[in-house]
Amino acid sequence: MKKNYPRYTLRISNNLHEKITFTANYNGRSKNKEIEVAVKRYILDFERLHGEIETKNDLDF
């Protein structure tokens, strides 16, 4: 079943886009999934330093 996640447009440089494409291909993921993994890692690192971020939604993380 398809989940109804919010959409977000991301504007990045061509250089960063090429690098994300490279790492996504290397890891066998789509660019979207590669960005999602990177954001999750960033949030986990942030929360380790500053504590858990409370949200209104109880989404998979």
PDB file of N, CA and C in Angstrom:
ATOM      1  N   MET A   1       0.844  -1.173   0.000  1.00  0.00           N
ATOM      2  CA  MET A   1       0.000   0.000   0.000  1.00  0.00           C
ATOM      3  C   MET A   1       0.898   1.248   0.000  1.00  0.00           C
ATOM      4  N   LYS A   2       0.564   2.184  -0.823  1.00  0.00           N
ATOM      5  CA  LYS A   2       1.327   3.417  -0.953  1.00  0.00           C
ATOM      6  C   LYS A   2       0.997   4.370   0.190  1.00  0.00           C
ATOM      7  N   LYS A   3       2.041   4.883   0.848  1.00  0.00           N
ATOM      8  CA  LYS A   3       1.834   5.847   1.927  1.00  0.00           C
ATOM      9  C   LYS A   3       1.744   7.248   1.348  1.00  0.00           C
ATOM     10  N   ASN A   4       0.987   8.087   1.989  1.00  0.00           N
ATOM     11  CA  ASN A   4       0.787   9.459   1.529  1.00  0.00           C
ATOM     12  C   ASN A   4       1.734  10.396   2.284  1.00  0.00           C
ATOM     13  N   TYR A   5       3.011  10.371   1.928  1.00  0.00           N
ATOM     14  CA  TYR A   5       3.992  11.239   2.564  1.00  0.00           C
ATOM     15  C   TYR A   5       3.930  12.637   1.961  1.00  0.00           C
ATOM     16  N   PRO A   6       4.260  13.654   2.761  1.00  0.00           N
ATOM     17  CA  PRO A   6       4.301  15.011   2.208  1.00  0.00           C
ATOM     18  C   PRO A   6       5.413  15.128   1.166  1.00  0.00           C
ATOM     19  N   ARG A   7       5.214  15.984   0.201  1.00  0.00           N
ATOM     20  CA  ARG A   7       6.219  16.223  -0.838  1.00  0.00           C
ATOM     21  C   ARG A   7       6.968  17.501  -0.523  1.00  0.00           C
ATOM     22  N   TYR A   8       8.243  17.530  -0.945  1.00  0.00           N
ATOM     23  CA  TYR A   8       9.074  18.691  -0.692  1.00  0.00           C
ATOM     24  C   TYR A   8      10.002  18.878  -1.888  1.00  0.00           C
ATOM     25  N   THR A   9      10.001  20.065  -2.462  1.00  0.00           N
ATOM     26  CA  THR A   9      10.895  20.360  -3.579  1.00  0.00           C
ATOM     27  C   THR A   9      12.232  20.819  -3.025  1.00  0.00           C
ATOM     28  N   LEU A  10      13.295  20.219  -3.512  1.00  0.00           N
ATOM     29  CA  LEU A  10      14.637  20.532  -3.041  1.00  0.00           C
ATOM     30  C   LEU A  10      15.443  21.148  -4.173  1.00  0.00           C
ATOM     31  N   ARG A  11      15.992  22.325  -3.926  1.00  0.00           N
ATOM     32  CA  ARG A  11      16.839  22.980  -4.921  1.00  0.00           C
ATOM     33  C   ARG A  11      18.284  22.847  -4.473  1.00  0.00           C
ATOM     34  N   ILE A  12      19.104  22.212  -5.324  1.00  0.00           N
ATOM     35  CA  ILE A  12      20.519  22.002  -5.008  1.00  0.00           C
ATOM     36  C   ILE A  12      21.366  22.300  -6.237  1.00  0.00           C
ATOM     37  N   SER A  13      22.646  22.492  -6.015  1.00  0.00           N
ATOM     38  CA  SER A  13      23.558  22.778  -7.126  1.00  0.00           C
ATOM     39  C   SER A  13      23.697  21.552  -8.029  1.00  0.00           C
ATOM     40  N   ASN A  14      24.113  21.794  -9.257  1.00  0.00           N
ATOM     41  CA  ASN A  14      24.347  20.694 -10.199  1.00  0.00           C
ATOM     42  C   ASN A  14      25.414  19.750  -9.674  1.00  0.00           C
ATOM     43  N   ASN A  15      26.446  20.313  -9.042  1.00  0.00           N
ATOM     44  CA  ASN A  15      27.530  19.504  -8.501  1.00  0.00           C
ATOM     45  C   ASN A  15      27.016  18.544  -7.428  1.00  0.00           C
ATOM     46  N   LEU A  16      26.217  19.056  -6.503  1.00  0.00           N
ATOM     47  CA  LEU A  16      25.655  18.215  -5.445  1.00  0.00           C
ATOM     48  C   LEU A  16      24.696  17.185  -6.030  1.00  0.00           C
ATOM     49  N   HIS A  17      23.925  17.573  -7.023  1.00  0.00           N
ATOM     50  CA  HIS A  17      23.010  16.636  -7.675  1.00  0.00           C
ATOM     51  C   HIS A  17      23.769  15.470  -8.303  1.00  0.00           C
ATOM     52  N   GLU A  18      24.863  15.766  -8.973  1.00  0.00           N
ATOM     53  CA  GLU A  18      25.682  14.707  -9.576  1.00  0.00           C
ATOM     54  C   GLU A  18      26.237  13.770  -8.515  1.00  0.00           C
ATOM     55  N   LYS A  19      26.662  14.336  -7.390  1.00  0.00           N
ATOM     56  CA  LYS A  19      27.230  13.509  -6.324  1.00  0.00           C
ATOM     57  C   LYS A  19      26.165  12.637  -5.675  1.00  0.00           C
ATOM     58  N   ILE A  20      24.959  13.174  -5.499  1.00  0.00           N
ATOM     59  CA  ILE A  20      23.870  12.360  -4.952  1.00  0.00           C
ATOM     60  C   ILE A  20      23.523  11.242  -5.921  1.00  0.00           C
ATOM     61  N   THR A  21      23.493  11.541  -7.207  1.00  0.00           N
ATOM     62  CA  THR A  21      23.226  10.517  -8.219  1.00  0.00           C
ATOM     63  C   THR A  21      24.274   9.415  -8.140  1.00  0.00           C
ATOM     64  N   PHE A  22      25.538   9.804  -8.007  1.00  0.00           N
ATOM     65  CA  PHE A  22      26.628   8.830  -7.908  1.00  0.00           C
ATOM     66  C   PHE A  22      26.462   7.939  -6.682  1.00  0.00           C
ATOM     67  N   THR A  23      26.249   8.570  -5.501  1.00  0.00           N
ATOM     68  CA  THR A  23      26.140   7.772  -4.278  1.00  0.00           C
ATOM     69  C   THR A  23      24.886   6.897  -4.290  1.00  0.00           C
ATOM     70  N   ALA A  24      23.799   7.396  -4.852  1.00  0.00           N
ATOM     71  CA  ALA A  24      22.573   6.592  -4.950  1.00  0.00           C
ATOM     72  C   ALA A  24      22.817   5.359  -5.823  1.00  0.00           C
ATOM     73  N   ASN A  25      23.440   5.555  -6.966  1.00  0.00           N
ATOM     74  CA  ASN A  25      23.746   4.421  -7.843  1.00  0.00           C
ATOM     75  C   ASN A  25      24.683   3.439  -7.156  1.00  0.00           C
ATOM     76  N   TYR A  26      25.684   3.936  -6.474  1.00  0.00           N
ATOM     77  CA  TYR A  26      26.651   3.100  -5.761  1.00  0.00           C
ATOM     78  C   TYR A  26      25.953   2.246  -4.705  1.00  0.00           C
ATOM     79  N   ASN A  27      24.995   2.852  -4.011  1.00  0.00           N
ATOM     80  CA  ASN A  27      24.284   2.158  -2.936  1.00  0.00           C
ATOM     81  C   ASN A  27      23.041   1.412  -3.407  1.00  0.00           C
ATOM     82  N   GLY A  28      22.748   1.479  -4.713  1.00  0.00           N
ATOM     83  CA  GLY A  28      21.601   0.756  -5.264  1.00  0.00           C
ATOM     84  C   GLY A  28      20.268   1.331  -4.829  1.00  0.00           C
ATOM     85  N   ARG A  29      20.223   2.660  -4.645  1.00  0.00           N
ATOM     86  CA  ARG A  29      18.994   3.317  -4.225  1.00  0.00           C
ATOM     87  C   ARG A  29      18.604   4.381  -5.237  1.00  0.00           C
ATOM     88  N   SER A  30      17.347   4.810  -5.155  1.00  0.00           N
ATOM     89  CA  SER A  30      16.924   5.966  -5.933  1.00  0.00           C
ATOM     90  C   SER A  30      17.533   7.214  -5.302  1.00  0.00           C
ATOM     91  N   LYS A  31      17.553   8.311  -6.051  1.00  0.00           N
ATOM     92  CA  LYS A  31      18.051   9.564  -5.486  1.00  0.00           C
ATOM     93  C   LYS A  31      17.187   9.993  -4.312  1.00  0.00           C
ATOM     94  N   ASN A  32      15.896   9.823  -4.419  1.00  0.00           N
ATOM     95  CA  ASN A  32      14.997  10.190  -3.329  1.00  0.00           C
ATOM     96  C   ASN A  32      15.341   9.416  -2.058  1.00  0.00           C
ATOM     97  N   LYS A  33      15.511   8.100  -2.180  1.00  0.00           N
ATOM     98  CA  LYS A  33      15.825   7.269  -1.016  1.00  0.00           C
ATOM     99  C   LYS A  33      17.208   7.618  -0.463  1.00  0.00           C
ATOM    100  N   GLU A  34      18.145   7.940  -1.336  1.00  0.00           N
ATOM    101  CA  GLU A  34      19.492   8.328  -0.893  1.00  0.00           C
ATOM    102  C   GLU A  34      19.430   9.607  -0.051  1.00  0.00           C
ATOM    103  N   ILE A  35      18.636  10.580  -0.497  1.00  0.00           N
ATOM    104  CA  ILE A  35      18.474  11.824   0.256  1.00  0.00           C
ATOM    105  C   ILE A  35      17.766  11.535   1.579  1.00  0.00           C
ATOM    106  N   GLU A  36      16.760  10.670   1.562  1.00  0.00           N
ATOM    107  CA  GLU A  36      16.041  10.320   2.787  1.00  0.00           C
ATOM    108  C   GLU A  36      16.988   9.691   3.816  1.00  0.00           C
ATOM    109  N   VAL A  37      17.843   8.777   3.374  1.00  0.00           N
ATOM    110  CA  VAL A  37      18.819   8.142   4.270  1.00  0.00           C
ATOM    111  C   VAL A  37      19.770   9.194   4.846  1.00  0.00           C
ATOM    112  N   ALA A  38      20.241  10.106   4.006  1.00  0.00           N
ATOM    113  CA  ALA A  38      21.161  11.155   4.472  1.00  0.00           C
ATOM    114  C   ALA A  38      20.487  12.056   5.508  1.00  0.00           C
ATOM    115  N   VAL A  39      19.237  12.420   5.279  1.00  0.00           N
ATOM    116  CA  VAL A  39      18.509  13.277   6.219  1.00  0.00           C
ATOM    117  C   VAL A  39      18.286  12.539   7.537  1.00  0.00           C
ATOM    118  N   LYS A  40      17.921  11.258   7.477  1.00  0.00           N
ATOM    119  CA  LYS A  40      17.731  10.475   8.698  1.00  0.00           C
ATOM    120  C   LYS A  40      19.021  10.415   9.506  1.00  0.00           C
ATOM    121  N   ARG A  41      20.142  10.197   8.847  1.00  0.00           N
ATOM    122  CA  ARG A  41      21.438  10.165   9.554  1.00  0.00           C
ATOM    123  C   ARG A  41      21.728  11.510  10.202  1.00  0.00           C
ATOM    124  N   TYR A  42      21.445  12.592   9.491  1.00  0.00           N
ATOM    125  CA  TYR A  42      21.661  13.933  10.032  1.00  0.00           C
ATOM    126  C   TYR A  42      20.806  14.160  11.277  1.00  0.00           C
ATOM    127  N   ILE A  43      19.524  13.782  11.212  1.00  0.00           N
ATOM    128  CA  ILE A  43      18.609  13.967  12.337  1.00  0.00           C
ATOM    129  C   ILE A  43      19.058  13.123  13.531  1.00  0.00           C
ATOM    130  N   LEU A  44      19.452  11.875  13.302  1.00  0.00           N
ATOM    131  CA  LEU A  44      19.921  11.019  14.393  1.00  0.00           C
ATOM    132  C   LEU A  44      21.158  11.618  15.067  1.00  0.00           C
ATOM    133  N   ASP A  45      22.094  12.133  14.270  1.00  0.00           N
ATOM    134  CA  ASP A  45      23.282  12.790  14.833  1.00  0.00           C
ATOM    135  C   ASP A  45      22.888  14.018  15.644  1.00  0.00           C
ATOM    136  N   PHE A  46      21.971  14.813  15.126  1.00  0.00           N
ATOM    137  CA  PHE A  46      21.505  16.003  15.827  1.00  0.00           C
ATOM    138  C   PHE A  46      20.877  15.617  17.162  1.00  0.00           C
ATOM    139  N   GLU A  47      20.020  14.585  17.135  1.00  0.00           N
ATOM    140  CA  GLU A  47      19.333  14.172  18.355  1.00  0.00           C
ATOM    141  C   GLU A  47      20.301  13.579  19.384  1.00  0.00           C
ATOM    142  N   ARG A  48      21.367  12.928  18.939  1.00  0.00           N
ATOM    143  CA  ARG A  48      22.373  12.426  19.874  1.00  0.00           C
ATOM    144  C   ARG A  48      23.014  13.573  20.650  1.00  0.00           C
ATOM    145  N   LEU A  49      23.212  14.687  19.972  1.00  0.00           N
ATOM    146  CA  LEU A  49      23.847  15.846  20.605  1.00  0.00           C
ATOM    147  C   LEU A  49      22.873  16.692  21.421  1.00  0.00           C
ATOM    148  N   HIS A  50      21.637  16.834  20.955  1.00  0.00           N
ATOM    149  CA  HIS A  50      20.709  17.810  21.521  1.00  0.00           C
ATOM    150  C   HIS A  50      19.438  17.221  22.125  1.00  0.00           C
ATOM    151  N   GLY A  51      19.259  15.923  22.037  1.00  0.00           N
ATOM    152  CA  GLY A  51      18.049  15.294  22.552  1.00  0.00           C
ATOM    153  C   GLY A  51      17.022  15.071  21.455  1.00  0.00           C
ATOM    154  N   GLU A  52      16.087  14.201  21.751  1.00  0.00           N
ATOM    155  CA  GLU A  52      15.074  13.820  20.768  1.00  0.00           C
ATOM    156  C   GLU A  52      14.171  14.998  20.413  1.00  0.00           C
ATOM    157  N   ILE A  53      13.865  15.095  19.136  1.00  0.00           N
ATOM    158  CA  ILE A  53      12.949  16.112  18.630  1.00  0.00           C
ATOM    159  C   ILE A  53      11.543  15.531  18.668  1.00  0.00           C
ATOM    160  N   GLU A  54      10.655  16.186  19.385  1.00  0.00           N
ATOM    161  CA  GLU A  54       9.273  15.719  19.449  1.00  0.00           C
ATOM    162  C   GLU A  54       8.513  16.221  18.226  1.00  0.00           C
ATOM    163  N   THR A  55       7.681  15.343  17.662  1.00  0.00           N
ATOM    164  CA  THR A  55       6.874  15.692  16.495  1.00  0.00           C
ATOM    165  C   THR A  55       5.414  15.373  16.763  1.00  0.00           C
ATOM    166  N   LYS A  56       4.553  15.951  15.965  1.00  0.00           N
ATOM    167  CA  LYS A  56       3.117  15.682  16.064  1.00  0.00           C
ATOM    168  C   LYS A  56       2.755  14.352  15.414  1.00  0.00           C
ATOM    169  N   ASN A  57       3.561  13.940  14.432  1.00  0.00           N
ATOM    170  CA  ASN A  57       3.286  12.736  13.670  1.00  0.00           C
ATOM    171  C   ASN A  57       4.134  11.588  14.183  1.00  0.00           C
ATOM    172  N   ASP A  58       3.574  10.409  14.185  1.00  0.00           N
ATOM    173  CA  ASP A  58       4.296   9.220  14.596  1.00  0.00           C
ATOM    174  C   ASP A  58       4.598   8.389  13.359  1.00  0.00           C
ATOM    175  N   LEU A  59       5.484   8.930  12.500  1.00  0.00           N
ATOM    176  CA  LEU A  59       5.823   8.265  11.241  1.00  0.00           C
ATOM    177  C   LEU A  59       6.996   7.331  11.443  1.00  0.00           C
ATOM    178  N   ASP A  60       7.138   6.382  10.524  1.00  0.00           N
ATOM    179  CA  ASP A  60       8.292   5.485  10.537  1.00  0.00           C
ATOM    180  C   ASP A  60       9.560   6.289  10.415  1.00  0.00           C
ATOM    181  N   PHE A  61      10.551   5.933  11.205  1.00  0.00           N
ATOM    182  CA  PHE A  61      11.828   6.641  11.122  1.00  0.00           C
ATOM    183  C   PHE A  61      12.945   5.683  11.121  1.00  0.00           C
TER     184      PHE A  61
END
